[in-house]
Amino acid sequence: MRPGIAEVGERLWAASGALAIVLFGCGLLFGDILGSDNYPALDARFEEVRRYSLDNRSEVHALAFLHTLSALALLCFATSWGSKLCQTARFGDLQRDRVNARWGAKIQFRL
């Protein structure tokens, strides 16, 4: 039996978490390994960062593009998990209300 549209959508949302990691790794690959120089350290001077950015313009653009896509994929993943948590909480509230209504009716009947 073929999966429904909802199942396929859930799988795509879940896959966006893995996609975020892959895109972030590809950005680091372009920025550090494939560039002519190593990516500057976090505490590097401004001149060093500027020189790297000017000398490796295409690698810096690829890094920025892939990290932006990675951030969007991570946002999709976080949104899907937030939605699942809200649905779970609502389902728990419904179950609790149903149990309370059933036991409340039995308690009132016995009184």
N, C-alpha and C. Protein backbone atom coordinates (compact mmCIF):
# COMPACT_ATOMS: atom_id res chain seq x y z
N MET A 1 0.83 -1.17 0.00
CA MET A 1 0.00 0.00 0.00
C MET A 1 0.89 1.25 0.00
N ARG A 2 0.51 2.21 -0.79
CA ARG A 2 1.29 3.44 -0.89
C ARG A 2 1.02 4.34 0.30
N PRO A 3 2.07 5.02 0.77
CA PRO A 3 1.85 5.94 1.89
C PRO A 3 1.01 7.13 1.47
N GLY A 4 0.25 7.65 2.41
CA GLY A 4 -0.59 8.80 2.13
C GLY A 4 0.22 10.08 2.03
N ILE A 5 -0.45 11.11 1.61
CA ILE A 5 0.22 12.41 1.45
C ILE A 5 0.75 12.91 2.78
N ALA A 6 -0.01 12.69 3.85
CA ALA A 6 0.42 13.16 5.17
C ALA A 6 1.71 12.45 5.60
N GLU A 7 1.80 11.14 5.34
CA GLU A 7 3.01 10.39 5.72
C GLU A 7 4.21 10.86 4.92
N VAL A 8 4.02 11.09 3.64
CA VAL A 8 5.12 11.58 2.80
C VAL A 8 5.56 12.96 3.28
N GLY A 9 4.60 13.82 3.60
CA GLY A 9 4.94 15.14 4.11
C GLY A 9 5.71 15.08 5.41
N GLU A 10 5.31 14.18 6.31
CA GLU A 10 6.02 14.03 7.57
C GLU A 10 7.45 13.55 7.35
N ARG A 11 7.61 12.64 6.40
CA ARG A 11 8.96 12.15 6.10
C ARG A 11 9.83 13.26 5.53
N LEU A 12 9.25 14.10 4.68
CA LEU A 12 10.02 15.21 4.12
C LEU A 12 10.42 16.20 5.21
N TRP A 13 9.47 16.51 6.11
CA TRP A 13 9.80 17.42 7.22
C TRP A 13 10.91 16.82 8.08
N ALA A 14 10.85 15.52 8.35
CA ALA A 14 11.88 14.88 9.17
C ALA A 14 13.22 14.85 8.45
N ALA A 15 13.19 14.67 7.14
CA ALA A 15 14.43 14.64 6.36
C ALA A 15 15.09 16.01 6.31
N SER A 16 14.35 17.07 6.58
CA SER A 16 14.94 18.41 6.54
C SER A 16 16.00 18.58 7.64
N GLY A 17 15.91 17.82 8.73
CA GLY A 17 16.95 17.87 9.76
C GLY A 17 18.27 17.32 9.25
N ALA A 18 18.21 16.19 8.55
CA ALA A 18 19.42 15.62 7.96
C ALA A 18 19.94 16.53 6.86
N LEU A 19 19.03 17.12 6.10
CA LEU A 19 19.44 18.03 5.03
C LEU A 19 20.17 19.25 5.59
N ALA A 20 19.73 19.73 6.74
CA ALA A 20 20.40 20.87 7.37
C ALA A 20 21.85 20.53 7.70
N ILE A 21 22.07 19.34 8.22
CA ILE A 21 23.44 18.93 8.55
C ILE A 21 24.29 18.78 7.30
N VAL A 22 23.74 18.18 6.27
CA VAL A 22 24.49 17.98 5.02
C VAL A 22 24.83 19.33 4.38
N LEU A 23 23.87 20.24 4.33
CA LEU A 23 24.14 21.56 3.74
C LEU A 23 25.17 22.34 4.54
N PHE A 24 25.09 22.25 5.86
CA PHE A 24 26.08 22.95 6.68
C PHE A 24 27.48 22.37 6.43
N GLY A 25 27.57 21.05 6.35
CA GLY A 25 28.86 20.41 6.05
C GLY A 25 29.39 20.80 4.68
N CYS A 26 28.51 20.86 3.70
CA CYS A 26 28.94 21.29 2.35
C CYS A 26 29.44 22.73 2.36
N GLY A 27 28.78 23.58 3.16
CA GLY A 27 29.24 24.96 3.27
C GLY A 27 30.64 25.03 3.86
N LEU A 28 30.89 24.22 4.88
CA LEU A 28 32.24 24.19 5.46
C LEU A 28 33.25 23.62 4.47
N LEU A 29 32.82 22.65 3.69
CA LEU A 29 33.70 22.07 2.68
C LEU A 29 34.12 23.15 1.67
N PHE A 30 33.15 23.92 1.17
CA PHE A 30 33.47 24.98 0.22
C PHE A 30 34.30 26.08 0.86
N GLY A 31 33.97 26.44 2.10
CA GLY A 31 34.64 27.56 2.73
C GLY A 31 36.05 27.27 3.20
N ASP A 32 36.32 26.02 3.60
CA ASP A 32 37.61 25.74 4.22
C ASP A 32 38.49 24.83 3.36
N ILE A 33 37.95 23.74 2.90
CA ILE A 33 38.78 22.74 2.22
C ILE A 33 39.05 23.11 0.76
N LEU A 34 38.02 23.58 0.06
CA LEU A 34 38.19 23.87 -1.36
C LEU A 34 38.74 25.27 -1.63
N GLY A 35 38.76 26.12 -0.61
CA GLY A 35 39.32 27.46 -0.80
C GLY A 35 40.84 27.41 -0.92
N SER A 36 41.41 28.44 -1.53
CA SER A 36 42.86 28.45 -1.70
C SER A 36 43.58 28.65 -0.36
N ASP A 37 42.95 29.33 0.58
CA ASP A 37 43.50 29.51 1.93
C ASP A 37 42.58 28.82 2.92
N ASN A 38 43.11 28.60 4.11
CA ASN A 38 42.25 28.08 5.17
C ASN A 38 41.34 29.18 5.67
N TYR A 39 40.16 28.78 6.10
CA TYR A 39 39.19 29.73 6.64
C TYR A 39 39.80 30.39 7.87
N PRO A 40 39.66 31.71 8.02
CA PRO A 40 40.29 32.40 9.16
C PRO A 40 39.70 31.93 10.50
N ALA A 41 40.53 32.01 11.52
CA ALA A 41 40.10 31.63 12.87
C ALA A 41 39.06 32.62 13.38
N LEU A 42 38.35 32.22 14.43
CA LEU A 42 37.32 33.10 15.01
C LEU A 42 37.91 34.40 15.55
N ASP A 43 39.13 34.34 16.08
CA ASP A 43 39.75 35.54 16.64
C ASP A 43 40.73 36.21 15.67
N ALA A 44 40.56 35.96 14.37
CA ALA A 44 41.46 36.53 13.36
C ALA A 44 41.26 38.03 13.24
N ARG A 45 42.31 38.71 12.83
CA ARG A 45 42.21 40.15 12.63
C ARG A 45 41.35 40.45 11.41
N PHE A 46 40.81 41.65 11.37
CA PHE A 46 39.93 42.07 10.29
C PHE A 46 40.63 41.97 8.94
N GLU A 47 41.88 42.34 8.87
CA GLU A 47 42.61 42.32 7.60
C GLU A 47 42.71 40.90 7.04
N GLU A 48 42.90 39.93 7.94
CA GLU A 48 43.01 38.55 7.50
C GLU A 48 41.67 38.03 6.96
N VAL A 49 40.59 38.37 7.63
CA VAL A 49 39.26 37.96 7.17
C VAL A 49 38.93 38.64 5.84
N ARG A 50 39.27 39.91 5.74
CA ARG A 50 39.01 40.65 4.49
C ARG A 50 39.81 40.07 3.33
N ARG A 51 41.09 39.75 3.58
CA ARG A 51 41.92 39.17 2.53
C ARG A 51 41.36 37.82 2.09
N TYR A 52 40.93 36.99 3.04
CA TYR A 52 40.35 35.69 2.69
C TYR A 52 39.09 35.88 1.86
N SER A 53 38.24 36.83 2.27
CA SER A 53 36.99 37.06 1.56
C SER A 53 37.23 37.55 0.14
N LEU A 54 38.22 38.39 -0.05
CA LEU A 54 38.51 38.90 -1.39
C LEU A 54 39.20 37.87 -2.27
N ASP A 55 40.08 37.06 -1.68
CA ASP A 55 40.81 36.06 -2.46
C ASP A 55 39.94 34.85 -2.82
N ASN A 56 38.95 34.55 -2.00
CA ASN A 56 38.11 33.36 -2.19
C ASN A 56 36.65 33.76 -2.32
N ARG A 57 36.38 34.67 -3.20
CA ARG A 57 35.03 35.23 -3.32
C ARG A 57 33.98 34.16 -3.62
N SER A 58 34.23 33.27 -4.57
CA SER A 58 33.23 32.25 -4.92
C SER A 58 33.02 31.26 -3.77
N GLU A 59 34.10 30.91 -3.06
CA GLU A 59 33.95 30.00 -1.93
C GLU A 59 33.16 30.64 -0.80
N VAL A 60 33.36 31.92 -0.57
CA VAL A 60 32.62 32.64 0.47
C VAL A 60 31.14 32.73 0.09
N HIS A 61 30.86 32.97 -1.17
CA HIS A 61 29.46 33.02 -1.62
C HIS A 61 28.80 31.65 -1.48
N ALA A 62 29.53 30.60 -1.84
CA ALA A 62 28.98 29.24 -1.71
C ALA A 62 28.74 28.91 -0.24
N LEU A 63 29.67 29.29 0.62
CA LEU A 63 29.52 29.07 2.07
C LEU A 63 28.28 29.79 2.58
N ALA A 64 28.10 31.04 2.21
CA ALA A 64 26.95 31.82 2.68
C ALA A 64 25.65 31.23 2.14
N PHE A 65 25.64 30.84 0.87
CA PHE A 65 24.43 30.27 0.27
C PHE A 65 24.05 28.95 0.93
N LEU A 66 25.01 28.06 1.10
CA LEU A 66 24.72 26.75 1.69
C LEU A 66 24.34 26.86 3.16
N HIS A 67 24.96 27.78 3.89
CA HIS A 67 24.59 27.95 5.29
C HIS A 67 23.21 28.60 5.42
N THR A 68 22.83 29.43 4.47
CA THR A 68 21.47 29.98 4.48
C THR A 68 20.45 28.88 4.22
N LEU A 69 20.72 28.03 3.23
CA LEU A 69 19.83 26.89 2.98
C LEU A 69 19.78 25.96 4.18
N SER A 70 20.92 25.76 4.83
CA SER A 70 20.96 24.92 6.02
C SER A 70 20.10 25.50 7.14
N ALA A 71 20.16 26.81 7.31
CA ALA A 71 19.34 27.46 8.34
C ALA A 71 17.85 27.32 8.03
N LEU A 72 17.49 27.42 6.76
CA LEU A 72 16.09 27.24 6.37
C LEU A 72 15.63 25.81 6.60
N ALA A 73 16.49 24.84 6.28
CA ALA A 73 16.14 23.44 6.51
C ALA A 73 16.00 23.16 8.00
N LEU A 74 16.87 23.77 8.81
CA LEU A 74 16.78 23.60 10.26
C LEU A 74 15.50 24.23 10.80
N LEU A 75 15.12 25.35 10.23
CA LEU A 75 13.86 25.99 10.62
C LEU A 75 12.67 25.09 10.29
N CYS A 76 12.68 24.47 9.11
CA CYS A 76 11.61 23.54 8.74
C CYS A 76 11.57 22.36 9.71
N PHE A 77 12.73 21.84 10.06
CA PHE A 77 12.80 20.70 10.98
C PHE A 77 12.27 21.09 12.36
N ALA A 78 12.69 22.24 12.86
CA ALA A 78 12.23 22.70 14.17
C ALA A 78 10.73 22.96 14.16
N THR A 79 10.23 23.50 13.07
CA THR A 79 8.79 23.76 12.95
C THR A 79 8.01 22.45 12.97
N SER A 80 8.51 21.44 12.27
CA SER A 80 7.80 20.16 12.25
C SER A 80 7.78 19.52 13.62
N TRP A 81 8.88 19.59 14.35
CA TRP A 81 8.90 19.02 15.70
C TRP A 81 8.04 19.82 16.66
N GLY A 82 8.04 21.12 16.51
CA GLY A 82 7.16 21.94 17.35
C GLY A 82 5.70 21.61 17.11
N SER A 83 5.36 21.39 15.85
CA SER A 83 3.99 21.02 15.51
C SER A 83 3.63 19.66 16.11
N LYS A 84 4.57 18.71 16.03
CA LYS A 84 4.32 17.39 16.61
C LYS A 84 4.13 17.49 18.13
N LEU A 85 4.95 18.30 18.78
CA LEU A 85 4.82 18.45 20.23
C LEU A 85 3.48 19.07 20.61
N CYS A 86 3.05 20.06 19.84
CA CYS A 86 1.74 20.68 20.11
C CYS A 86 0.61 19.68 19.90
N GLN A 87 0.69 18.88 18.84
CA GLN A 87 -0.33 17.86 18.60
C GLN A 87 -0.35 16.83 19.72
N THR A 88 0.82 16.44 20.19
CA THR A 88 0.90 15.47 21.28
C THR A 88 0.31 16.05 22.55
N ALA A 89 0.61 17.31 22.82
CA ALA A 89 0.07 17.95 24.02
C ALA A 89 -1.45 18.06 23.92
N ARG A 90 -1.96 18.43 22.75
CA ARG A 90 -3.41 18.52 22.57
C ARG A 90 -4.07 17.15 22.69
N PHE A 91 -3.43 16.13 22.15
CA PHE A 91 -3.98 14.78 22.26
C PHE A 91 -4.00 14.34 23.72
N GLY A 92 -2.94 14.66 24.46
CA GLY A 92 -2.91 14.34 25.89
C GLY A 92 -4.00 15.06 26.64
N ASP A 93 -4.26 16.32 26.30
CA ASP A 93 -5.34 17.07 26.94
C ASP A 93 -6.69 16.44 26.63
N LEU A 94 -6.88 16.01 25.37
CA LEU A 94 -8.15 15.38 25.00
C LEU A 94 -8.34 14.07 25.75
N GLN A 95 -7.29 13.29 25.85
CA GLN A 95 -7.38 12.03 26.58
C GLN A 95 -7.70 12.28 28.05
N ARG A 96 -7.03 13.25 28.65
CA ARG A 96 -7.27 13.57 30.05
C ARG A 96 -8.72 14.05 30.26
N ASP A 97 -9.20 14.90 29.35
CA ASP A 97 -10.58 15.38 29.46
C ASP A 97 -11.57 14.24 29.31
N ARG A 98 -11.28 13.31 28.39
CA ARG A 98 -12.17 12.18 28.19
C ARG A 98 -12.21 11.28 29.43
N VAL A 99 -11.05 11.02 30.02
CA VAL A 99 -10.99 10.21 31.23
C VAL A 99 -11.69 10.92 32.38
N ASN A 100 -11.43 12.21 32.52
CA ASN A 100 -12.09 12.97 33.59
C ASN A 100 -13.60 12.98 33.41
N ALA A 101 -14.07 13.11 32.19
CA ALA A 101 -15.51 13.12 31.94
C ALA A 101 -16.12 11.77 32.27
N ARG A 102 -15.41 10.69 31.89
CA ARG A 102 -15.93 9.35 32.15
C ARG A 102 -15.95 9.07 33.65
N TRP A 103 -14.84 9.34 34.34
CA TRP A 103 -14.79 9.06 35.78
C TRP A 103 -15.65 10.04 36.56
N GLY A 104 -15.75 11.26 36.11
CA GLY A 104 -16.60 12.24 36.77
C GLY A 104 -18.06 11.83 36.70
N ALA A 105 -18.47 11.28 35.55
CA ALA A 105 -19.85 10.81 35.40
C ALA A 105 -20.11 9.62 36.32
N LYS A 106 -19.14 8.72 36.44
CA LYS A 106 -19.32 7.56 37.31
C LYS A 106 -19.36 7.96 38.77
N ILE A 107 -18.53 8.92 39.14
CA ILE A 107 -18.51 9.38 40.52
C ILE A 107 -19.82 10.07 40.85
N GLN A 108 -20.30 10.89 39.95
CA GLN A 108 -21.58 11.59 40.21
C GLN A 108 -22.72 10.59 40.25
N PHE A 109 -22.68 9.57 39.44
CA PHE A 109 -23.76 8.57 39.43
C PHE A 109 -23.79 7.81 40.75
N ARG A 110 -22.62 7.48 41.28
CA ARG A 110 -22.55 6.71 42.51
C ARG A 110 -22.93 7.54 43.73
N LEU A 111 -22.76 8.84 43.66
CA LEU A 111 -23.09 9.68 44.80
C LEU A 111 -24.57 9.80 44.88
